[in-house]
């Protein structure tokens, strides 16, 4: 049996991000919800399944401290993360 990581690595390898069931092109609703939280830009934000999320680019422009998580090593965000 494959590990979860191996499974998701294969999914990301063979599937375009836009064709993944959880892909979102537009993030305005998420930003609207965040804007209901006072000073959200200064908080810690955990993003589960961050692998193909364009939301990360938006959040990186804030002062928020991001914790990004994904099971796959083959994610396609195009992001550079300093750890």
Protein backbone atom coordinates (compact mmCIF):
# COMPACT_ATOMS: atom_id res chain seq x y z
CA UNK A 1 0.00 0.00 0.00
CA UNK A 2 1.26 3.48 -0.87
CA UNK A 3 1.82 6.06 1.81
CA UNK A 4 -0.42 9.12 1.78
CA UNK A 5 2.50 11.22 0.62
CA UNK A 6 3.20 8.88 -2.31
CA UNK A 7 -0.46 8.93 -3.26
CA UNK A 8 -0.65 12.74 -3.30
CA UNK A 9 2.73 13.09 -5.02
CA UNK A 10 1.31 11.06 -7.91
CA UNK A 11 -1.91 13.10 -8.02
CA UNK A 12 0.06 16.36 -8.23
CA UNK A 13 2.39 14.87 -10.86
CA UNK A 14 -0.37 13.83 -13.26
CA UNK A 15 -3.08 16.48 -12.68
CA UNK A 16 -3.12 20.16 -13.62
CA UNK A 17 -3.87 22.33 -10.59
CA UNK A 18 -7.01 23.78 -12.20
CA UNK A 19 -8.46 20.28 -12.56
CA UNK A 20 -8.10 19.33 -8.91
CA UNK A 21 -11.42 19.23 -7.08
CA UNK A 22 -10.32 21.67 -4.39
CA UNK A 23 -8.77 24.24 -6.73
CA UNK A 24 -9.98 27.82 -6.27
CA UNK A 25 -9.31 30.54 -8.82
CA UNK A 26 -10.73 33.37 -6.74
CA UNK A 27 -10.25 34.12 -3.02
CA UNK A 28 -12.39 37.18 -2.31
CA UNK A 29 -14.78 35.29 0.01
CA UNK A 30 -11.89 34.02 2.14
CA UNK A 31 -10.45 37.53 2.35
CA UNK A 32 -13.90 38.88 3.32
CA UNK A 33 -14.04 36.38 6.20
CA UNK A 34 -10.50 37.25 7.29
CA UNK A 35 -11.37 40.94 7.25
CA UNK A 36 -14.01 40.23 9.92
CA UNK A 37 -11.15 39.35 12.30
CA UNK A 38 -9.47 42.41 13.82
CA UNK A 39 -5.78 42.66 12.85
CA UNK A 40 -5.83 39.27 11.08
CA UNK A 41 -2.76 40.36 9.12
CA UNK A 42 -0.72 40.12 12.31
CA UNK A 43 -1.88 36.65 13.38
CA UNK A 44 -0.69 33.09 12.78
CA UNK A 45 -2.63 31.43 9.96
CA UNK A 46 -2.56 27.69 9.35
CA UNK A 47 -3.32 26.64 5.77
CA UNK A 48 -3.98 22.91 5.39
CA UNK A 49 -3.53 21.50 1.91
CA UNK A 50 -1.59 24.55 0.76
CA UNK A 51 -0.07 22.75 -2.22
CA UNK A 52 -2.01 24.39 -5.04
CA UNK A 53 -3.56 27.31 -3.24
CA UNK A 54 -3.13 30.71 -4.88
CA UNK A 55 -4.43 32.09 -1.61
CA UNK A 56 -0.90 31.70 -0.26
CA UNK A 57 0.33 34.43 -2.61
CA UNK A 58 -2.32 36.79 -1.27
CA UNK A 59 -1.56 35.95 2.36
CA UNK A 60 2.18 36.37 1.85
CA UNK A 61 1.59 40.06 1.10
CA UNK A 62 0.27 40.53 4.63
CA UNK A 63 2.27 40.51 7.86
CA UNK A 64 0.57 37.26 8.88
CA UNK A 65 2.78 34.40 9.97
CA UNK A 66 1.84 31.47 7.76
CA UNK A 67 2.02 27.80 8.65
CA UNK A 68 1.64 25.86 5.40
CA UNK A 69 0.88 22.15 5.32
CA UNK A 70 0.56 19.62 2.53
CA UNK A 71 1.04 15.85 2.31
CA UNK A 72 2.66 15.98 -1.11
CA UNK A 73 6.23 16.98 -1.84
CA UNK A 74 5.22 17.71 -5.44
CA UNK A 75 3.04 20.73 -4.86
CA UNK A 76 2.67 23.35 -7.54
CA UNK A 77 2.35 26.69 -5.79
CA UNK A 78 5.42 28.23 -7.33
CA UNK A 79 6.12 29.65 -3.88
CA UNK A 80 9.46 29.96 -2.18
CA UNK A 81 9.18 29.37 1.53
CA UNK A 82 11.94 30.15 4.00
CA UNK A 83 11.90 27.89 7.03
